[in-house]
Amino acid sequence: MDQLLLIINEMREEDGRAPLETLEDSMDLREDLVLDSLMLAELTVRIESEFSVDIFEDGIVQTVGEIIAKIEGK
């Protein structure tokens, strides 16, 4: 999902980190993408703004694949 990669890379660049080439469904938000609580909150706001979906509405999401499933309404 190109738009999700763009959002995550914007956040990484704002944090002084290199952008990612690709996202894998299995990537963990905290461990693989190294997003802290504040960054996860920001990610939620940006995804809700872009896709009109609250990714944490039904509980915690931990992977890129879980975010994509919520965006796609699965």
PDB file of N, CA and C in Angstrom:
ATOM      1  N   MET A   1       0.841  -1.172   0.000  1.00  0.00           N
ATOM      2  CA  MET A   1       0.000   0.000   0.000  1.00  0.00           C
ATOM      3  C   MET A   1       0.891   1.242   0.000  1.00  0.00           C
ATOM      4  N   ASP A   2       0.958   1.884  -1.144  1.00  0.00           N
ATOM      5  CA  ASP A   2       1.873   3.003  -1.350  1.00  0.00           C
ATOM      6  C   ASP A   2       1.610   4.184  -0.423  1.00  0.00           C
ATOM      7  N   GLN A   3       0.347   4.515  -0.197  1.00  0.00           N
ATOM      8  CA  GLN A   3       0.021   5.672   0.636  1.00  0.00           C
ATOM      9  C   GLN A   3       0.451   5.451   2.086  1.00  0.00           C
ATOM     10  N   LEU A   4       0.286   4.231   2.586  1.00  0.00           N
ATOM     11  CA  LEU A   4       0.730   3.918   3.947  1.00  0.00           C
ATOM     12  C   LEU A   4       2.246   4.041   4.059  1.00  0.00           C
ATOM     13  N   LEU A   5       2.965   3.558   3.061  1.00  0.00           N
ATOM     14  CA  LEU A   5       4.425   3.683   3.046  1.00  0.00           C
ATOM     15  C   LEU A   5       4.819   5.157   3.051  1.00  0.00           C
ATOM     16  N   LEU A   6       4.128   5.971   2.276  1.00  0.00           N
ATOM     17  CA  LEU A   6       4.412   7.403   2.231  1.00  0.00           C
ATOM     18  C   LEU A   6       4.209   8.048   3.606  1.00  0.00           C
ATOM     19  N   ILE A   7       3.104   7.716   4.268  1.00  0.00           N
ATOM     20  CA  ILE A   7       2.825   8.264   5.602  1.00  0.00           C
ATOM     21  C   ILE A   7       3.918   7.859   6.597  1.00  0.00           C
ATOM     22  N   ILE A   8       4.273   6.583   6.603  1.00  0.00           N
ATOM     23  CA  ILE A   8       5.295   6.096   7.545  1.00  0.00           C
ATOM     24  C   ILE A   8       6.647   6.729   7.240  1.00  0.00           C
ATOM     25  N   ASN A   9       6.988   6.860   5.953  1.00  0.00           N
ATOM     26  CA  ASN A   9       8.272   7.472   5.603  1.00  0.00           C
ATOM     27  C   ASN A   9       8.317   8.954   5.955  1.00  0.00           C
ATOM     28  N   GLU A  10       7.201   9.666   5.823  1.00  0.00           N
ATOM     29  CA  GLU A  10       7.165  11.068   6.251  1.00  0.00           C
ATOM     30  C   GLU A  10       7.474  11.162   7.740  1.00  0.00           C
ATOM     31  N   MET A  11       6.884  10.276   8.515  1.00  0.00           N
ATOM     32  CA  MET A  11       7.114  10.277   9.959  1.00  0.00           C
ATOM     33  C   MET A  11       8.564   9.909  10.288  1.00  0.00           C
ATOM     34  N   ARG A  12       9.105   8.931   9.580  1.00  0.00           N
ATOM     35  CA  ARG A  12      10.499   8.526   9.824  1.00  0.00           C
ATOM     36  C   ARG A  12      11.455   9.669   9.498  1.00  0.00           C
ATOM     37  N   GLU A  13      11.212  10.356   8.395  1.00  0.00           N
ATOM     38  CA  GLU A  13      12.079  11.459   8.014  1.00  0.00           C
ATOM     39  C   GLU A  13      11.992  12.601   9.017  1.00  0.00           C
ATOM     40  N   GLU A  14      10.785  12.888   9.532  1.00  0.00           N
ATOM     41  CA  GLU A  14      10.619  13.918  10.554  1.00  0.00           C
ATOM     42  C   GLU A  14      11.377  13.545  11.828  1.00  0.00           C
ATOM     43  N   ASP A  15      11.574  12.252  12.056  1.00  0.00           N
ATOM     44  CA  ASP A  15      12.293  11.759  13.236  1.00  0.00           C
ATOM     45  C   ASP A  15      13.789  11.578  12.946  1.00  0.00           C
ATOM     46  N   GLY A  16      14.215  11.961  11.733  1.00  0.00           N
ATOM     47  CA  GLY A  16      15.635  11.864  11.385  1.00  0.00           C
ATOM     48  C   GLY A  16      16.093  10.482  10.968  1.00  0.00           C
ATOM     49  N   ARG A  17      15.146   9.629  10.566  1.00  0.00           N
ATOM     50  CA  ARG A  17      15.506   8.273  10.148  1.00  0.00           C
ATOM     51  C   ARG A  17      15.331   8.108   8.650  1.00  0.00           C
ATOM     52  N   ALA A  18      16.052   7.161   8.102  1.00  0.00           N
ATOM     53  CA  ALA A  18      15.999   6.897   6.658  1.00  0.00           C
ATOM     54  C   ALA A  18      14.644   6.311   6.266  1.00  0.00           C
ATOM     55  N   PRO A  19      14.173   6.646   5.074  1.00  0.00           N
ATOM     56  CA  PRO A  19      12.904   6.080   4.602  1.00  0.00           C
ATOM     57  C   PRO A  19      13.040   4.595   4.285  1.00  0.00           C
ATOM     58  N   LEU A  20      11.920   3.907   4.301  1.00  0.00           N
ATOM     59  CA  LEU A  20      11.881   2.487   3.958  1.00  0.00           C
ATOM     60  C   LEU A  20      11.591   2.335   2.466  1.00  0.00           C
ATOM     61  N   GLU A  21      12.132   1.292   1.873  1.00  0.00           N
ATOM     62  CA  GLU A  21      11.852   1.001   0.466  1.00  0.00           C
ATOM     63  C   GLU A  21      10.482   0.351   0.302  1.00  0.00           C
ATOM     64  N   THR A  22      10.178  -0.578   1.208  1.00  0.00           N
ATOM     65  CA  THR A  22       8.924  -1.316   1.119  1.00  0.00           C
ATOM     66  C   THR A  22       8.394  -1.602   2.518  1.00  0.00           C
ATOM     67  N   LEU A  23       7.126  -1.970   2.566  1.00  0.00           N
ATOM     68  CA  LEU A  23       6.503  -2.437   3.804  1.00  0.00           C
ATOM     69  C   LEU A  23       6.090  -3.891   3.604  1.00  0.00           C
ATOM     70  N   GLU A  24       6.271  -4.689   4.625  1.00  0.00           N
ATOM     71  CA  GLU A  24       5.828  -6.084   4.615  1.00  0.00           C
ATOM     72  C   GLU A  24       4.701  -6.222   5.629  1.00  0.00           C
ATOM     73  N   ASP A  25       3.709  -7.047   5.324  1.00  0.00           N
ATOM     74  CA  ASP A  25       2.578  -7.253   6.233  1.00  0.00           C
ATOM     75  C   ASP A  25       3.029  -7.672   7.632  1.00  0.00           C
ATOM     76  N   SER A  26       4.115  -8.425   7.699  1.00  0.00           N
ATOM     77  CA  SER A  26       4.570  -8.976   8.977  1.00  0.00           C
ATOM     78  C   SER A  26       5.370  -7.979   9.825  1.00  0.00           C
ATOM     79  N   MET A  27       5.676  -6.802   9.297  1.00  0.00           N
ATOM     80  CA  MET A  27       6.491  -5.835  10.043  1.00  0.00           C
ATOM     81  C   MET A  27       5.756  -5.367  11.297  1.00  0.00           C
ATOM     82  N   ASP A  28       6.450  -5.460  12.432  1.00  0.00           N
ATOM     83  CA  ASP A  28       5.909  -5.007  13.713  1.00  0.00           C
ATOM     84  C   ASP A  28       6.113  -3.493  13.827  1.00  0.00           C
ATOM     85  N   LEU A  29       5.080  -2.791  14.255  1.00  0.00           N
ATOM     86  CA  LEU A  29       5.137  -1.331  14.325  1.00  0.00           C
ATOM     87  C   LEU A  29       6.182  -0.842  15.318  1.00  0.00           C
ATOM     88  N   ARG A  30       6.291  -1.508  16.452  1.00  0.00           N
ATOM     89  CA  ARG A  30       7.246  -1.074  17.476  1.00  0.00           C
ATOM     90  C   ARG A  30       8.652  -1.616  17.223  1.00  0.00           C
ATOM     91  N   GLU A  31       8.753  -2.897  16.901  1.00  0.00           N
ATOM     92  CA  GLU A  31      10.073  -3.506  16.787  1.00  0.00           C
ATOM     93  C   GLU A  31      10.732  -3.269  15.434  1.00  0.00           C
ATOM     94  N   ASP A  32      10.004  -3.477  14.342  1.00  0.00           N
ATOM     95  CA  ASP A  32      10.606  -3.337  13.013  1.00  0.00           C
ATOM     96  C   ASP A  32      10.635  -1.885  12.531  1.00  0.00           C
ATOM     97  N   LEU A  33       9.558  -1.148  12.799  1.00  0.00           N
ATOM     98  CA  LEU A  33       9.484   0.244  12.343  1.00  0.00           C
ATOM     99  C   LEU A  33       9.949   1.228  13.415  1.00  0.00           C
ATOM    100  N   VAL A  34      10.168   0.724  14.639  1.00  0.00           N
ATOM    101  CA  VAL A  34      10.656   1.498  15.782  1.00  0.00           C
ATOM    102  C   VAL A  34       9.787   2.742  16.021  1.00  0.00           C
ATOM    103  N   LEU A  35       8.470   2.521  16.106  1.00  0.00           N
ATOM    104  CA  LEU A  35       7.538   3.602  16.412  1.00  0.00           C
ATOM    105  C   LEU A  35       7.233   3.571  17.903  1.00  0.00           C
ATOM    106  N   ASP A  36       7.430   4.708  18.569  1.00  0.00           N
ATOM    107  CA  ASP A  36       7.088   4.780  19.987  1.00  0.00           C
ATOM    108  C   ASP A  36       5.616   5.181  20.140  1.00  0.00           C
ATOM    109  N   SER A  37       5.161   5.327  21.362  1.00  0.00           N
ATOM    110  CA  SER A  37       3.745   5.618  21.611  1.00  0.00           C
ATOM    111  C   SER A  37       3.284   6.912  20.945  1.00  0.00           C
ATOM    112  N   LEU A  38       4.114   7.940  21.011  1.00  0.00           N
ATOM    113  CA  LEU A  38       3.769   9.209  20.394  1.00  0.00           C
ATOM    114  C   LEU A  38       3.665   9.068  18.873  1.00  0.00           C
ATOM    115  N   MET A  39       4.595   8.340  18.285  1.00  0.00           N
ATOM    116  CA  MET A  39       4.565   8.141  16.833  1.00  0.00           C
ATOM    117  C   MET A  39       3.365   7.284  16.418  1.00  0.00           C
ATOM    118  N   LEU A  40       2.992   6.314  17.245  1.00  0.00           N
ATOM    119  CA  LEU A  40       1.805   5.507  16.941  1.00  0.00           C
ATOM    120  C   LEU A  40       0.545   6.367  16.976  1.00  0.00           C
ATOM    121  N   ALA A  41       0.497   7.302  17.924  1.00  0.00           N
ATOM    122  CA  ALA A  41      -0.641   8.220  17.988  1.00  0.00           C
ATOM    123  C   ALA A  41      -0.688   9.088  16.734  1.00  0.00           C
ATOM    124  N   GLU A  42       0.457   9.581  16.316  1.00  0.00           N
ATOM    125  CA  GLU A  42       0.540  10.395  15.104  1.00  0.00           C
ATOM    126  C   GLU A  42       0.144   9.582  13.873  1.00  0.00           C
ATOM    127  N   LEU A  43       0.597   8.334  13.821  1.00  0.00           N
ATOM    128  CA  LEU A  43       0.236   7.449  12.708  1.00  0.00           C
ATOM    129  C   LEU A  43      -1.275   7.257  12.646  1.00  0.00           C
ATOM    130  N   THR A  44      -1.890   7.079  13.810  1.00  0.00           N
ATOM    131  CA  THR A  44      -3.346   6.920  13.882  1.00  0.00           C
ATOM    132  C   THR A  44      -4.057   8.142  13.302  1.00  0.00           C
ATOM    133  N   VAL A  45      -3.600   9.322  13.691  1.00  0.00           N
ATOM    134  CA  VAL A  45      -4.209  10.562  13.209  1.00  0.00           C
ATOM    135  C   VAL A  45      -4.048  10.690  11.698  1.00  0.00           C
ATOM    136  N   ARG A  46      -2.866  10.400  11.207  1.00  0.00           N
ATOM    137  CA  ARG A  46      -2.619  10.534   9.760  1.00  0.00           C
ATOM    138  C   ARG A  46      -3.424   9.523   8.953  1.00  0.00           C
ATOM    139  N   ILE A  47      -3.529   8.299   9.448  1.00  0.00           N
ATOM    140  CA  ILE A  47      -4.311   7.281   8.733  1.00  0.00           C
ATOM    141  C   ILE A  47      -5.792   7.639   8.769  1.00  0.00           C
ATOM    142  N   GLU A  48      -6.254   8.117   9.914  1.00  0.00           N
ATOM    143  CA  GLU A  48      -7.666   8.497  10.016  1.00  0.00           C
ATOM    144  C   GLU A  48      -7.972   9.655   9.060  1.00  0.00           C
ATOM    145  N   SER A  49      -7.050  10.592   8.951  1.00  0.00           N
ATOM    146  CA  SER A  49      -7.228  11.725   8.046  1.00  0.00           C
ATOM    147  C   SER A  49      -7.230  11.277   6.586  1.00  0.00           C
ATOM    148  N   GLU A  50      -6.324  10.377   6.244  1.00  0.00           N
ATOM    149  CA  GLU A  50      -6.171   9.929   4.855  1.00  0.00           C
ATOM    150  C   GLU A  50      -7.249   8.939   4.430  1.00  0.00           C
ATOM    151  N   PHE A  51      -7.575   7.986   5.309  1.00  0.00           N
ATOM    152  CA  PHE A  51      -8.448   6.870   4.932  1.00  0.00           C
ATOM    153  C   PHE A  51      -9.792   6.850   5.665  1.00  0.00           C
ATOM    154  N   SER A  52      -9.998   7.782   6.604  1.00  0.00           N
ATOM    155  CA  SER A  52     -11.226   7.824   7.422  1.00  0.00           C
ATOM    156  C   SER A  52     -11.441   6.522   8.186  1.00  0.00           C
ATOM    157  N   VAL A  53     -10.351   5.975   8.728  1.00  0.00           N
ATOM    158  CA  VAL A  53     -10.389   4.726   9.493  1.00  0.00           C
ATOM    159  C   VAL A  53      -9.601   4.925  10.785  1.00  0.00           C
ATOM    160  N   ASP A  54     -10.212   4.560  11.923  1.00  0.00           N
ATOM    161  CA  ASP A  54      -9.512   4.573  13.199  1.00  0.00           C
ATOM    162  C   ASP A  54      -8.919   3.180  13.409  1.00  0.00           C
ATOM    163  N   ILE A  55      -7.604   3.053  13.196  1.00  0.00           N
ATOM    164  CA  ILE A  55      -6.978   1.724  13.235  1.00  0.00           C
ATOM    165  C   ILE A  55      -6.989   1.112  14.630  1.00  0.00           C
ATOM    166  N   PHE A  56      -7.149   1.923  15.678  1.00  0.00           N
ATOM    167  CA  PHE A  56      -7.159   1.396  17.038  1.00  0.00           C
ATOM    168  C   PHE A  56      -8.567   1.311  17.621  1.00  0.00           C
ATOM    169  N   GLU A  57      -9.591   1.488  16.784  1.00  0.00           N
ATOM    170  CA  GLU A  57     -10.974   1.478  17.255  1.00  0.00           C
ATOM    171  C   GLU A  57     -11.355   0.172  17.954  1.00  0.00           C
ATOM    172  N   ASP A  58     -10.910  -0.944  17.412  1.00  0.00           N
ATOM    173  CA  ASP A  58     -11.271  -2.260  17.953  1.00  0.00           C
ATOM    174  C   ASP A  58     -10.152  -2.883  18.784  1.00  0.00           C
ATOM    175  N   GLY A  59      -9.194  -2.100  19.201  1.00  0.00           N
ATOM    176  CA  GLY A  59      -8.077  -2.634  19.976  1.00  0.00           C
ATOM    177  C   GLY A  59      -6.747  -2.295  19.332  1.00  0.00           C
ATOM    178  N   ILE A  60      -5.713  -2.839  19.887  1.00  0.00           N
ATOM    179  CA  ILE A  60      -4.353  -2.525  19.455  1.00  0.00           C
ATOM    180  C   ILE A  60      -4.000  -3.279  18.179  1.00  0.00           C
ATOM    181  N   VAL A  61      -3.351  -2.574  17.260  1.00  0.00           N
ATOM    182  CA  VAL A  61      -2.772  -3.227  16.084  1.00  0.00           C
ATOM    183  C   VAL A  61      -1.262  -3.244  16.278  1.00  0.00           C
ATOM    184  N   GLN A  62      -0.642  -4.322  15.811  1.00  0.00           N
ATOM    185  CA  GLN A  62       0.796  -4.458  16.031  1.00  0.00           C
ATOM    186  C   GLN A  62       1.603  -4.574  14.760  1.00  0.00           C
ATOM    187  N   THR A  63       0.945  -4.889  13.644  1.00  0.00           N
ATOM    188  CA  THR A  63       1.693  -5.093  12.409  1.00  0.00           C
ATOM    189  C   THR A  63       1.144  -4.247  11.269  1.00  0.00           C
ATOM    190  N   VAL A  64       1.964  -4.090  10.251  1.00  0.00           N
ATOM    191  CA  VAL A  64       1.548  -3.386   9.039  1.00  0.00           C
ATOM    192  C   VAL A  64       0.349  -4.089   8.415  1.00  0.00           C
ATOM    193  N   GLY A  65       0.352  -5.411   8.407  1.00  0.00           N
ATOM    194  CA  GLY A  65      -0.756  -6.177   7.833  1.00  0.00           C
ATOM    195  C   GLY A  65      -2.082  -5.898   8.526  1.00  0.00           C
ATOM    196  N   GLU A  66      -2.057  -5.723   9.845  1.00  0.00           N
ATOM    197  CA  GLU A  66      -3.270  -5.405  10.589  1.00  0.00           C
ATOM    198  C   GLU A  66      -3.793  -4.025  10.204  1.00  0.00           C
ATOM    199  N   ILE A  67      -2.899  -3.076   9.988  1.00  0.00           N
ATOM    200  CA  ILE A  67      -3.314  -1.738   9.549  1.00  0.00           C
ATOM    201  C   ILE A  67      -3.956  -1.816   8.172  1.00  0.00           C
ATOM    202  N   ILE A  68      -3.322  -2.536   7.258  1.00  0.00           N
ATOM    203  CA  ILE A  68      -3.856  -2.667   5.896  1.00  0.00           C
ATOM    204  C   ILE A  68      -5.223  -3.321   5.920  1.00  0.00           C
ATOM    205  N   ALA A  69      -5.401  -4.341   6.748  1.00  0.00           N
ATOM    206  CA  ALA A  69      -6.697  -5.007   6.853  1.00  0.00           C
ATOM    207  C   ALA A  69      -7.767  -4.037   7.329  1.00  0.00           C
ATOM    208  N   LYS A  70      -7.437  -3.175   8.305  1.00  0.00           N
ATOM    209  CA  LYS A  70      -8.409  -2.196   8.797  1.00  0.00           C
ATOM    210  C   LYS A  70      -8.745  -1.171   7.705  1.00  0.00           C
ATOM    211  N   ILE A  71      -7.717  -0.720   6.985  1.00  0.00           N
ATOM    212  CA  ILE A  71      -7.938   0.257   5.920  1.00  0.00           C
ATOM    213  C   ILE A  71      -8.838  -0.343   4.834  1.00  0.00           C
ATOM    214  N   GLU A  72      -8.601  -1.607   4.526  1.00  0.00           N
ATOM    215  CA  GLU A  72      -9.380  -2.269   3.477  1.00  0.00           C
ATOM    216  C   GLU A  72     -10.729  -2.775   3.984  1.00  0.00           C
ATOM    217  N   GLY A  73     -10.981  -2.601   5.288  1.00  0.00           N
ATOM    218  CA  GLY A  73     -12.261  -2.970   5.850  1.00  0.00           C
ATOM    219  C   GLY A  73     -12.477  -4.445   6.046  1.00  0.00           C
ATOM    220  N   LYS A  74     -11.383  -5.186   6.265  1.00  0.00           N
ATOM    221  CA  LYS A  74     -11.479  -6.640   6.456  1.00  0.00           C
ATOM    222  C   LYS A  74     -11.649  -6.985   7.919  1.00  0.00           C
TER     223      LYS A  74
END
